[in-house]
PDB file of N, CA and C in Angstrom:
ATOM      1  N   UNK A   1      29.635  81.531  34.642  1.00  0.00           N
ATOM      2  CA  UNK A   1      28.920  82.146  35.667  1.00  0.00           C
ATOM      3  C   UNK A   1      28.079  83.055  34.975  1.00  0.00           C
ATOM      4  N   UNK A   2      26.819  83.297  35.434  1.00  0.00           N
ATOM      5  CA  UNK A   2      25.580  83.748  34.702  1.00  0.00           C
ATOM      6  C   UNK A   2      25.277  85.128  35.492  1.00  0.00           C
ATOM      7  N   UNK A   3      24.536  85.856  35.012  1.00  0.00           N
ATOM      8  CA  UNK A   3      24.360  87.003  35.453  1.00  0.00           C
ATOM      9  C   UNK A   3      22.800  87.088  36.639  1.00  0.00           C
ATOM     10  N   UNK A   4      22.903  87.637  37.921  1.00  0.00           N
ATOM     11  CA  UNK A   4      21.724  87.653  38.539  1.00  0.00           C
ATOM     12  C   UNK A   4      21.085  88.216  37.900  1.00  0.00           C
ATOM     13  N   UNK A   5      19.446  87.855  37.731  1.00  0.00           N
ATOM     14  CA  UNK A   5      18.283  88.836  37.241  1.00  0.00           C
ATOM     15  C   UNK A   5      18.498  90.210  38.411  1.00  0.00           C
ATOM     16  N   UNK A   6      17.722  91.345  37.773  1.00  0.00           N
ATOM     17  CA  UNK A   6      17.200  92.538  38.220  1.00  0.00           C
ATOM     18  C   UNK A   6      16.345  92.253  38.711  1.00  0.00           C
ATOM     19  N   UNK A   7      16.318  93.321  40.144  1.00  0.00           N
ATOM     20  CA  UNK A   7      14.781  93.085  40.766  1.00  0.00           C
ATOM     21  C   UNK A   7      14.093  93.818  40.114  1.00  0.00           C
ATOM     22  N   UNK A   8      12.928  93.420  39.922  1.00  0.00           N
ATOM     23  CA  UNK A   8      11.715  94.133  39.083  1.00  0.00           C
ATOM     24  C   UNK A   8      11.117  95.447  40.351  1.00  0.00           C
ATOM     25  N   UNK A   9      11.485  95.226  41.882  1.00  0.00           N
ATOM     26  CA  UNK A   9      10.803  96.410  42.592  1.00  0.00           C
ATOM     27  C   UNK A   9      11.843  97.667  42.592  1.00  0.00           C
ATOM     28  N   UNK A  10      13.407  96.994  42.450  1.00  0.00           N
ATOM     29  CA  UNK A  10      14.432  98.593  42.658  1.00  0.00           C
ATOM     30  C   UNK A  10      15.147  98.698  42.024  1.00  0.00           C
ATOM     31  N   UNK A  11      14.609  97.719  40.884  1.00  0.00           N
ATOM     32  CA  UNK A  11      16.216  97.428  39.590  1.00  0.00           C
ATOM     33  C   UNK A  11      17.658  97.461  39.950  1.00  0.00           C
ATOM     34  N   UNK A  12      17.885  96.799  41.086  1.00  0.00           N
ATOM     35  CA  UNK A  12      19.148  96.409  42.094  1.00  0.00           C
ATOM     36  C   UNK A  12      19.304  95.302  40.947  1.00  0.00           C
ATOM     37  N   UNK A  13      20.638  95.186  40.988  1.00  0.00           N
ATOM     38  CA  UNK A  13      21.262  94.056  40.470  1.00  0.00           C
ATOM     39  C   UNK A  13      21.842  93.058  41.125  1.00  0.00           C
ATOM     40  N   UNK A  14      21.862  93.141  42.453  1.00  0.00           N
ATOM     41  CA  UNK A  14      22.290  92.260  43.990  1.00  0.00           C
ATOM     42  C   UNK A  14      21.256  91.489  44.405  1.00  0.00           C
ATOM     43  N   UNK A  15      21.288  90.254  43.656  1.00  0.00           N
ATOM     44  CA  UNK A  15      20.193  89.663  43.927  1.00  0.00           C
ATOM     45  C   UNK A  15      20.637  87.961  44.055  1.00  0.00           C
ATOM     46  N   UNK A  16      20.298  87.281  44.851  1.00  0.00           N
ATOM     47  CA  UNK A  16      20.877  85.652  44.764  1.00  0.00           C
ATOM     48  C   UNK A  16      19.771  85.075  44.689  1.00  0.00           C
ATOM     49  N   UNK A  17      19.931  83.827  44.474  1.00  0.00           N
ATOM     50  CA  UNK A  17      18.559  82.673  44.643  1.00  0.00           C
ATOM     51  C   UNK A  17      18.673  82.034  46.078  1.00  0.00           C
ATOM     52  N   UNK A  18      17.151  81.631  46.592  1.00  0.00           N
ATOM     53  CA  UNK A  18      16.900  81.089  47.896  1.00  0.00           C
ATOM     54  C   UNK A  18      16.281  80.142  47.926  1.00  0.00           C
ATOM     55  N   UNK A  19      15.760  78.757  48.164  1.00  0.00           N
ATOM     56  CA  UNK A  19      14.679  78.114  48.157  1.00  0.00           C
ATOM     57  C   UNK A  19      14.049  78.003  46.769  1.00  0.00           C
ATOM     58  N   UNK A  20      14.566  78.128  45.373  1.00  0.00           N
ATOM     59  CA  UNK A  20      13.534  78.154  44.331  1.00  0.00           C
ATOM     60  C   UNK A  20      13.285  79.905  44.034  1.00  0.00           C
ATOM     61  N   UNK A  21      13.206  80.465  44.694  1.00  0.00           N
ATOM     62  CA  UNK A  21      12.931  82.346  44.341  1.00  0.00           C
ATOM     63  C   UNK A  21      14.689  83.351  44.118  1.00  0.00           C
ATOM     64  N   UNK A  22      14.215  83.857  43.792  1.00  0.00           N
ATOM     65  CA  UNK A  22      15.111  85.184  43.835  1.00  0.00           C
ATOM     66  C   UNK A  22      14.925  86.322  44.533  1.00  0.00           C
ATOM     67  N   UNK A  23      16.071  86.421  45.466  1.00  0.00           N
ATOM     68  CA  UNK A  23      16.075  87.781  46.859  1.00  0.00           C
ATOM     69  C   UNK A  23      16.576  88.514  45.966  1.00  0.00           C
ATOM     70  N   UNK A  24      15.728  89.728  46.551  1.00  0.00           N
ATOM     71  CA  UNK A  24      17.161  90.847  46.039  1.00  0.00           C
ATOM     72  C   UNK A  24      17.741  91.442  47.537  1.00  0.00           C
ATOM     73  N   UNK A  25      19.310  92.074  47.536  1.00  0.00           N
ATOM     74  CA  UNK A  25      19.724  91.849  48.765  1.00  0.00           C
ATOM     75  C   UNK A  25      19.847  93.385  49.024  1.00  0.00           C
ATOM     76  N   UNK A  26      19.072  94.159  48.161  1.00  0.00           N
ATOM     77  CA  UNK A  26      18.865  95.793  48.728  1.00  0.00           C
ATOM     78  C   UNK A  26      17.254  95.730  49.335  1.00  0.00           C
ATOM     79  N   UNK A  27      16.603  95.424  48.887  1.00  0.00           N
ATOM     80  CA  UNK A  27      15.330  95.856  49.135  1.00  0.00           C
ATOM     81  C   UNK A  27      14.353  94.776  50.089  1.00  0.00           C
ATOM     82  N   UNK A  28      14.820  93.459  49.670  1.00  0.00           N
ATOM     83  CA  UNK A  28      14.472  92.511  50.393  1.00  0.00           C
ATOM     84  C   UNK A  28      13.210  91.384  49.302  1.00  0.00           C
ATOM     85  N   UNK A  29      12.814  91.883  48.285  1.00  0.00           N
ATOM     86  CA  UNK A  29      11.668  91.396  48.091  1.00  0.00           C
ATOM     87  C   UNK A  29      11.996  90.095  47.043  1.00  0.00           C
ATOM     88  N   UNK A  30      11.253  89.212  47.431  1.00  0.00           N
ATOM     89  CA  UNK A  30      11.232  87.634  46.589  1.00  0.00           C
ATOM     90  C   UNK A  30      10.809  87.878  45.473  1.00  0.00           C
ATOM     91  N   UNK A  31      10.994  87.017  43.939  1.00  0.00           N
ATOM     92  CA  UNK A  31      10.083  86.839  43.335  1.00  0.00           C
ATOM     93  C   UNK A  31      10.693  85.313  42.279  1.00  0.00           C
ATOM     94  N   UNK A  32       9.686  84.823  41.689  1.00  0.00           N
ATOM     95  CA  UNK A  32      10.010  83.455  41.179  1.00  0.00           C
ATOM     96  C   UNK A  32      10.277  83.659  40.368  1.00  0.00           C
ATOM     97  N   UNK A  33      11.406  82.886  39.679  1.00  0.00           N
ATOM     98  CA  UNK A  33      11.719  83.212  38.364  1.00  0.00           C
ATOM     99  C   UNK A  33      11.045  82.344  36.890  1.00  0.00           C
ATOM    100  N   UNK A  34      10.511  82.942  35.668  1.00  0.00           N
ATOM    101  CA  UNK A  34      10.132  82.320  35.340  1.00  0.00           C
ATOM    102  C   UNK A  34      11.092  81.605  34.092  1.00  0.00           C
ATOM    103  N   UNK A  35      10.396  80.843  33.171  1.00  0.00           N
ATOM    104  CA  UNK A  35      11.755  80.709  31.699  1.00  0.00           C
ATOM    105  C   UNK A  35      11.594  81.693  31.569  1.00  0.00           C
ATOM    106  N   UNK A  36      10.804  82.747  30.716  1.00  0.00           N
ATOM    107  CA  UNK A  36      10.928  83.744  29.802  1.00  0.00           C
ATOM    108  C   UNK A  36      11.825  84.832  30.764  1.00  0.00           C
ATOM    109  N   UNK A  37      12.395  84.693  31.434  1.00  0.00           N
ATOM    110  CA  UNK A  37      13.136  85.352  32.289  1.00  0.00           C
ATOM    111  C   UNK A  37      14.694  84.894  32.010  1.00  0.00           C
ATOM    112  N   UNK A  38      14.720  83.724  31.823  1.00  0.00           N
ATOM    113  CA  UNK A  38      16.217  82.743  31.458  1.00  0.00           C
ATOM    114  C   UNK A  38      16.319  83.204  29.851  1.00  0.00           C
ATOM    115  N   UNK A  39      17.401  84.325  30.027  1.00  0.00           N
ATOM    116  CA  UNK A  39      18.079  84.190  28.593  1.00  0.00           C
ATOM    117  C   UNK A  39      18.322  82.789  27.699  1.00  0.00           C
ATOM    118  N   UNK A  40      18.437  82.649  26.425  1.00  0.00           N
ATOM    119  CA  UNK A  40      19.347  81.469  26.087  1.00  0.00           C
ATOM    120  C   UNK A  40      20.426  81.627  25.922  1.00  0.00           C
ATOM    121  N   UNK A  41      20.911  80.271  25.405  1.00  0.00           N
ATOM    122  CA  UNK A  41      22.590  80.427  25.638  1.00  0.00           C
ATOM    123  C   UNK A  41      22.920  81.453  24.655  1.00  0.00           C
ATOM    124  N   UNK A  42      24.145  81.921  25.038  1.00  0.00           N
ATOM    125  CA  UNK A  42      24.591  83.333  24.367  1.00  0.00           C
ATOM    126  C   UNK A  42      23.776  84.213  23.859  1.00  0.00           C
ATOM    127  N   UNK A  43      22.399  84.790  24.386  1.00  0.00           N
ATOM    128  CA  UNK A  43      21.944  85.607  24.057  1.00  0.00           C
ATOM    129  C   UNK A  43      21.965  86.691  24.961  1.00  0.00           C
ATOM    130  N   UNK A  44      22.132  88.132  24.981  1.00  0.00           N
ATOM    131  CA  UNK A  44      21.582  88.968  25.997  1.00  0.00           C
ATOM    132  C   UNK A  44      20.712  89.693  25.911  1.00  0.00           C
ATOM    133  N   UNK A  45      20.230  89.744  27.133  1.00  0.00           N
ATOM    134  CA  UNK A  45      18.385  90.142  27.501  1.00  0.00           C
ATOM    135  C   UNK A  45      18.828  91.558  27.663  1.00  0.00           C
ATOM    136  N   UNK A  46      17.781  92.262  26.962  1.00  0.00           N
ATOM    137  CA  UNK A  46      17.554  93.794  27.632  1.00  0.00           C
ATOM    138  C   UNK A  46      16.187  93.666  28.595  1.00  0.00           C
ATOM    139  N   UNK A  47      16.789  94.890  29.573  1.00  0.00           N
ATOM    140  CA  UNK A  47      15.911  94.530  30.448  1.00  0.00           C
ATOM    141  C   UNK A  47      15.569  96.496  30.138  1.00  0.00           C
ATOM    142  N   UNK A  48      14.302  96.715  31.047  1.00  0.00           N
ATOM    143  CA  UNK A  48      14.004  98.069  31.001  1.00  0.00           C
ATOM    144  C   UNK A  48      14.202  98.396  32.265  1.00  0.00           C
ATOM    145  N   UNK A  49      13.841  99.599  33.144  1.00  0.00           N
ATOM    146  CA  UNK A  49      14.620 100.422  34.104  1.00  0.00           C
ATOM    147  C   UNK A  49      14.339  99.529  35.480  1.00  0.00           C
ATOM    148  N   UNK A  50      12.523  98.649  35.084  1.00  0.00           N
ATOM    149  CA  UNK A  50      12.352  98.226  36.424  1.00  0.00           C
ATOM    150  C   UNK A  50      12.544  96.322  36.492  1.00  0.00           C
ATOM    151  N   UNK A  51      13.241  96.038  35.263  1.00  0.00           N
ATOM    152  CA  UNK A  51      13.927  94.615  35.483  1.00  0.00           C
ATOM    153  C   UNK A  51      12.997  93.766  34.256  1.00  0.00           C
ATOM    154  N   UNK A  52      12.479  94.324  33.668  1.00  0.00           N
ATOM    155  CA  UNK A  52      11.239  93.390  32.443  1.00  0.00           C
ATOM    156  C   UNK A  52      12.036  93.510  31.399  1.00  0.00           C
ATOM    157  N   UNK A  53      11.719  92.258  30.871  1.00  0.00           N
ATOM    158  CA  UNK A  53      12.697  91.836  29.845  1.00  0.00           C
ATOM    159  C   UNK A  53      12.175  92.405  28.535  1.00  0.00           C
ATOM    160  N   UNK A  54      12.508  93.465  27.664  1.00  0.00           N
ATOM    161  CA  UNK A  54      11.965  93.728  26.411  1.00  0.00           C
ATOM    162  C   UNK A  54      12.373  92.929  25.287  1.00  0.00           C
ATOM    163  N   UNK A  55      11.729  92.895  24.001  1.00  0.00           N
ATOM    164  CA  UNK A  55      11.236  92.594  23.056  1.00  0.00           C
ATOM    165  C   UNK A  55      10.930  93.530  21.939  1.00  0.00           C
ATOM    166  N   UNK A  56      11.854  93.472  20.549  1.00  0.00           N
ATOM    167  CA  UNK A  56      10.662  93.423  19.427  1.00  0.00           C
ATOM    168  C   UNK A  56       9.128  93.710  19.288  1.00  0.00           C
ATOM    169  N   UNK A  57       9.205  94.531  19.187  1.00  0.00           N
ATOM    170  CA  UNK A  57       7.961  95.006  18.788  1.00  0.00           C
ATOM    171  C   UNK A  57       7.018  95.662  20.232  1.00  0.00           C
ATOM    172  N   UNK A  58       7.463  95.823  21.596  1.00  0.00           N
ATOM    173  CA  UNK A  58       6.906  96.353  22.717  1.00  0.00           C
ATOM    174  C   UNK A  58       6.774  97.455  22.999  1.00  0.00           C
ATOM    175  N   UNK A  59       5.667  97.692  23.553  1.00  0.00           N
ATOM    176  CA  UNK A  59       5.388  99.476  23.946  1.00  0.00           C
ATOM    177  C   UNK A  59       6.035  99.833  25.044  1.00  0.00           C
ATOM    178  N   UNK A  60       6.922 100.764  24.784  1.00  0.00           N
ATOM    179  CA  UNK A  60       7.664 101.587  26.471  1.00  0.00           C
ATOM    180  C   UNK A  60       7.014 102.960  26.481  1.00  0.00           C
ATOM    181  N   UNK A  61       7.076 103.131  28.341  1.00  0.00           N
ATOM    182  CA  UNK A  61       6.985 104.270  28.735  1.00  0.00           C
ATOM    183  C   UNK A  61       8.166 105.269  29.225  1.00  0.00           C
ATOM    184  N   UNK A  62       8.387 106.278  28.303  1.00  0.00           N
ATOM    185  CA  UNK A  62       9.250 107.214  29.002  1.00  0.00           C
ATOM    186  C   UNK A  62       9.479 107.345  30.780  1.00  0.00           C
ATOM    187  N   UNK A  63      10.244 107.171  31.628  1.00  0.00           N
ATOM    188  CA  UNK A  63       9.914 107.359  32.960  1.00  0.00           C
ATOM    189  C   UNK A  63      10.630 108.790  33.062  1.00  0.00           C
ATOM    190  N   UNK A  64      11.662 109.097  32.635  1.00  0.00           N
ATOM    191  CA  UNK A  64      11.886 111.106  32.826  1.00  0.00           C
ATOM    192  C   UNK A  64      12.005 111.997  31.569  1.00  0.00           C
ATOM    193  N   UNK A  65      12.341 113.000  32.173  1.00  0.00           N
ATOM    194  CA  UNK A  65      11.621 113.485  31.229  1.00  0.00           C
ATOM    195  C   UNK A  65      14.001 113.641  30.307  1.00  0.00           C
ATOM    196  N   UNK A  66      13.509 114.073  28.978  1.00  0.00           N
ATOM    197  CA  UNK A  66      14.954 113.341  28.222  1.00  0.00           C
ATOM    198  C   UNK A  66      14.934 114.804  26.558  1.00  0.00           C
ATOM    199  N   UNK A  67      16.038 115.294  26.908  1.00  0.00           N
ATOM    200  CA  UNK A  67      16.209 116.467  26.603  1.00  0.00           C
ATOM    201  C   UNK A  67      16.572 115.489  25.419  1.00  0.00           C
ATOM    202  N   UNK A  68      16.442 116.097  23.941  1.00  0.00           N
ATOM    203  CA  UNK A  68      16.753 116.104  22.821  1.00  0.00           C
ATOM    204  C   UNK A  68      17.597 117.314  22.127  1.00  0.00           C
ATOM    205  N   UNK A  69      18.524 117.174  21.733  1.00  0.00           N
ATOM    206  CA  UNK A  69      19.100 118.378  20.767  1.00  0.00           C
ATOM    207  C   UNK A  69      18.650 118.572  19.414  1.00  0.00           C
ATOM    208  N   UNK A  70      18.354 119.588  19.474  1.00  0.00           N
ATOM    209  CA  UNK A  70      17.875 120.324  18.163  1.00  0.00           C
ATOM    210  C   UNK A  70      16.099 120.346  18.551  1.00  0.00           C
ATOM    211  N   UNK A  71      15.686 119.727  19.627  1.00  0.00           N
ATOM    212  CA  UNK A  71      14.237 120.127  19.856  1.00  0.00           C
ATOM    213  C   UNK A  71      14.077 121.460  20.543  1.00  0.00           C
ATOM    214  N   UNK A  72      12.892 121.469  20.365  1.00  0.00           N
ATOM    215  CA  UNK A  72      12.187 122.780  20.829  1.00  0.00           C
ATOM    216  C   UNK A  72      11.985 122.370  22.474  1.00  0.00           C
ATOM    217  N   UNK A  73      11.580 121.425  22.772  1.00  0.00           N
ATOM    218  CA  UNK A  73      11.430 120.901  24.571  1.00  0.00           C
ATOM    219  C   UNK A  73      11.633 119.907  24.330  1.00  0.00           C
ATOM    220  N   UNK A  74      11.922 118.943  25.808  1.00  0.00           N
ATOM    221  CA  UNK A  74      12.014 117.348  26.248  1.00  0.00           C
ATOM    222  C   UNK A  74      11.003 116.477  25.723  1.00  0.00           C
ATOM    223  N   UNK A  75      11.498 115.139  25.925  1.00  0.00           N
ATOM    224  CA  UNK A  75      10.417 113.940  25.759  1.00  0.00           C
ATOM    225  C   UNK A  75       9.529 114.105  27.199  1.00  0.00           C
ATOM    226  N   UNK A  76       8.564 114.098  27.763  1.00  0.00           N
ATOM    227  CA  UNK A  76       7.824 114.139  28.296  1.00  0.00           C
ATOM    228  C   UNK A  76       8.010 113.051  29.137  1.00  0.00           C
ATOM    229  N   UNK A  77       7.849 113.546  30.807  1.00  0.00           N
ATOM    230  CA  UNK A  77       7.817 111.503  31.168  1.00  0.00           C
ATOM    231  C   UNK A  77       6.237 111.465  30.921  1.00  0.00           C
ATOM    232  N   UNK A  78       6.134 109.660  31.000  1.00  0.00           N
ATOM    233  CA  UNK A  78       4.726 109.524  30.297  1.00  0.00           C
ATOM    234  C   UNK A  78       4.472 109.016  28.761  1.00  0.00           C
ATOM    235  N   UNK A  79       5.467 109.272  28.021  1.00  0.00           N
ATOM    236  CA  UNK A  79       5.135 109.498  26.931  1.00  0.00           C
ATOM    237  C   UNK A  79       5.207 108.007  26.258  1.00  0.00           C
ATOM    238  N   UNK A  80       4.502 107.422  25.458  1.00  0.00           N
ATOM    239  CA  UNK A  80       4.402 106.148  24.817  1.00  0.00           C
ATOM    240  C   UNK A  80       5.138 105.854  23.531  1.00  0.00           C
ATOM    241  N   UNK A  81       5.945 105.362  23.478  1.00  0.00           N
ATOM    242  CA  UNK A  81       6.612 104.656  22.441  1.00  0.00           C
ATOM    243  C   UNK A  81       6.388 103.481  21.970  1.00  0.00           C
ATOM    244  N   UNK A  82       5.339 103.006  21.045  1.00  0.00           N
ATOM    245  CA  UNK A  82       5.024 102.011  20.227  1.00  0.00           C
ATOM    246  C   UNK A  82       5.973 101.382  19.247  1.00  0.00           C
ATOM    247  N   UNK A  83       5.923  99.853  19.290  1.00  0.00           N
ATOM    248  CA  UNK A  83       6.728  99.156  18.583  1.00  0.00           C
ATOM    249  C   UNK A  83       8.243  99.579  18.062  1.00  0.00           C
ATOM    250  N   UNK A  84       9.322  99.280  19.411  1.00  0.00           N
ATOM    251  CA  UNK A  84      10.358  99.497  19.593  1.00  0.00           C
ATOM    252  C   UNK A  84      11.165  98.208  19.308  1.00  0.00           C
ATOM    253  N   UNK A  85      12.711  98.670  18.417  1.00  0.00           N
ATOM    254  CA  UNK A  85      13.230  97.551  18.075  1.00  0.00           C
ATOM    255  C   UNK A  85      14.672  97.615  19.036  1.00  0.00           C
ATOM    256  N   UNK A  86      15.221  96.118  19.168  1.00  0.00           N
ATOM    257  CA  UNK A  86      16.474  96.454  20.144  1.00  0.00           C
ATOM    258  C   UNK A  86      17.384  95.981  18.955  1.00  0.00           C
ATOM    259  N   UNK A  87      18.564  96.637  19.753  1.00  0.00           N
ATOM    260  CA  UNK A  87      19.708  96.897  18.512  1.00  0.00           C
ATOM    261  C   UNK A  87      20.685  96.443  19.949  1.00  0.00           C
ATOM    262  N   UNK A  88      21.749  96.292  18.738  1.00  0.00           N
ATOM    263  CA  UNK A  88      22.940  96.070  20.299  1.00  0.00           C
ATOM    264  C   UNK A  88      24.306  96.830  19.404  1.00  0.00           C
ATOM    265  N   UNK A  89      25.294  97.118  20.112  1.00  0.00           N
ATOM    266  CA  UNK A  89      26.805  97.472  19.663  1.00  0.00           C
ATOM    267  C   UNK A  89      26.667  99.125  19.376  1.00  0.00           C
ATOM    268  N   UNK A  90      25.420  99.834  20.091  1.00  0.00           N
ATOM    269  CA  UNK A  90      25.474 101.303  19.390  1.00  0.00           C
ATOM    270  C   UNK A  90      25.526 101.883  20.733  1.00  0.00           C
ATOM    271  N   UNK A  91      26.852 101.847  21.827  1.00  0.00           N
ATOM    272  CA  UNK A  91      26.720 102.247  22.913  1.00  0.00           C
ATOM    273  C   UNK A  91      25.652 101.780  24.104  1.00  0.00           C
ATOM    274  N   UNK A  92      25.467 102.866  24.636  1.00  0.00           N
ATOM    275  CA  UNK A  92      24.816 102.314  25.683  1.00  0.00           C
ATOM    276  C   UNK A  92      23.517 102.543  24.972  1.00  0.00           C
ATOM    277  N   UNK A  93      22.461 102.782  24.265  1.00  0.00           N
ATOM    278  CA  UNK A  93      21.346 103.008  23.709  1.00  0.00           C
ATOM    279  C   UNK A  93      21.135 101.840  22.866  1.00  0.00           C
ATOM    280  N   UNK A  94      20.484 101.555  23.400  1.00  0.00           N
ATOM    281  CA  UNK A  94      19.903  99.961  22.819  1.00  0.00           C
ATOM    282  C   UNK A  94      18.426  99.870  22.412  1.00  0.00           C
ATOM    283  N   UNK A  95      17.753 100.720  22.322  1.00  0.00           N
ATOM    284  CA  UNK A  95      16.521 100.629  21.952  1.00  0.00           C
ATOM    285  C   UNK A  95      16.731 102.063  20.500  1.00  0.00           C
ATOM    286  N   UNK A  96      15.812 101.366  19.644  1.00  0.00           N
ATOM    287  CA  UNK A  96      15.388 102.116  17.966  1.00  0.00           C
ATOM    288  C   UNK A  96      13.957 102.238  17.844  1.00  0.00           C
ATOM    289  N   UNK A  97      13.749 103.410  17.404  1.00  0.00           N
ATOM    290  CA  UNK A  97      12.530 103.581  17.922  1.00  0.00           C
ATOM    291  C   UNK A  97      12.487 104.848  17.038  1.00  0.00           C
ATOM    292  N   UNK A  98      10.511 105.298  17.070  1.00  0.00           N
ATOM    293  CA  UNK A  98       9.908 106.366  16.637  1.00  0.00           C
ATOM    294  C   UNK A  98       9.325 107.010  17.417  1.00  0.00           C
ATOM    295  N   UNK A  99       9.518 108.107  17.859  1.00  0.00           N
ATOM    296  CA  UNK A  99       9.119 109.056  18.777  1.00  0.00           C
ATOM    297  C   UNK A  99       8.149 109.996  18.335  1.00  0.00           C
ATOM    298  N   UNK A 100       6.556 109.905  18.607  1.00  0.00           N
ATOM    299  CA  UNK A 100       5.695 110.836  18.345  1.00  0.00           C
ATOM    300  C   UNK A 100       5.719 112.299  18.470  1.00  0.00           C
ATOM    301  N   UNK A 101       6.244 113.128  17.283  1.00  0.00           N
ATOM    302  CA  UNK A 101       6.536 114.747  17.218  1.00  0.00           C
ATOM    303  C   UNK A 101       8.182 114.649  17.750  1.00  0.00           C
ATOM    304  N   UNK A 102       8.809 113.460  17.532  1.00  0.00           N
ATOM    305  CA  UNK A 102      10.487 113.796  17.394  1.00  0.00           C
ATOM    306  C   UNK A 102      10.888 112.920  16.271  1.00  0.00           C
ATOM    307  N   UNK A 103      10.357 111.978  16.166  1.00  0.00           N
ATOM    308  CA  UNK A 103      10.515 111.163  14.750  1.00  0.00           C
ATOM    309  C   UNK A 103      11.606 109.753  15.313  1.00  0.00           C
ATOM    310  N   UNK A 104      12.074 109.385  14.827  1.00  0.00           N
ATOM    311  CA  UNK A 104      13.412 108.242  14.540  1.00  0.00           C
ATOM    312  C   UNK A 104      14.453 108.769  15.325  1.00  0.00           C
ATOM    313  N   UNK A 105      14.661 107.700  16.750  1.00  0.00           N
ATOM    314  CA  UNK A 105      16.157 107.722  17.649  1.00  0.00           C
ATOM    315  C   UNK A 105      16.307 106.747  18.422  1.00  0.00           C
ATOM    316  N   UNK A 106      17.256 106.635  18.792  1.00  0.00           N
ATOM    317  CA  UNK A 106      17.719 105.826  20.019  1.00  0.00           C
ATOM    318  C   UNK A 106      17.478 105.789  21.487  1.00  0.00           C
ATOM    319  N   UNK A 107      17.002 105.298  22.082  1.00  0.00           N
ATOM    320  CA  UNK A 107      16.910 105.486  23.864  1.00  0.00           C
ATOM    321  C   UNK A 107      17.847 104.073  24.648  1.00  0.00           C
ATOM    322  N   UNK A 108      17.917 104.754  25.633  1.00  0.00           N
ATOM    323  CA  UNK A 108      18.531 103.725  26.696  1.00  0.00           C
ATOM    324  C   UNK A 108      17.423 102.779  27.251  1.00  0.00           C
ATOM    325  N   UNK A 109      17.506 101.604  27.595  1.00  0.00           N
ATOM    326  CA  UNK A 109      16.413 100.737  28.191  1.00  0.00           C
ATOM    327  C   UNK A 109      16.443 101.164  29.736  1.00  0.00           C
ATOM    328  N   UNK A 110      16.827 102.064  30.119  1.00  0.00           N
ATOM    329  CA  UNK A 110      17.345 102.723  31.510  1.00  0.00           C
ATOM    330  C   UNK A 110      16.125 103.768  31.862  1.00  0.00           C
ATOM    331  N   UNK A 111      15.575 104.290  30.701  1.00  0.00           N
ATOM    332  CA  UNK A 111      14.697 105.304  31.195  1.00  0.00           C
ATOM    333  C   UNK A 111      13.478 105.042  29.994  1.00  0.00           C
ATOM    334  N   UNK A 112      12.937 103.866  30.038  1.00  0.00           N
ATOM    335  CA  UNK A 112      12.081 103.227  29.685  1.00  0.00           C
ATOM    336  C   UNK A 112      11.701 102.062  31.049  1.00  0.00           C
ATOM    337  N   UNK A 113       9.994 102.195  30.899  1.00  0.00           N
ATOM    338  CA  UNK A 113       9.478 100.571  31.331  1.00  0.00           C
ATOM    339  C   UNK A 113       8.419 100.151  30.142  1.00  0.00           C
ATOM    340  N   UNK A 114       8.135  98.961  30.370  1.00  0.00           N
ATOM    341  CA  UNK A 114       7.330  98.343  29.612  1.00  0.00           C
ATOM    342  C   UNK A 114       5.791  98.652  29.708  1.00  0.00           C
ATOM    343  N   UNK A 115       5.117  98.909  28.912  1.00  0.00           N
ATOM    344  CA  UNK A 115       3.599  99.019  29.191  1.00  0.00           C
ATOM    345  C   UNK A 115       2.650  98.086  29.125  1.00  0.00           C
TER     346      UNK A 115
END
């Protein structure tokens, strides 16, 4: 059984297929799945906070302030992070990147959206 895609409107994981469309049971949004949204056999798809599939080299935007240990201030909302690298098996931090002014770090895909 495959996992239902995340709703691009409300990021709910509760969606179902109806007449060739995917429908969110939480907000009622309907969308057509493209071939790019379908994972290859055995391949996990990492999605951002709004449900867009992420890939190595993408640019993402931080959607909430993030506290950083040892830093004088947080990473602010709207900070762009370029050239991300997706990693597996590092807890729930699945993005490896370099944030300007903060250096190399790992982020959760749930706190970014594709730019």
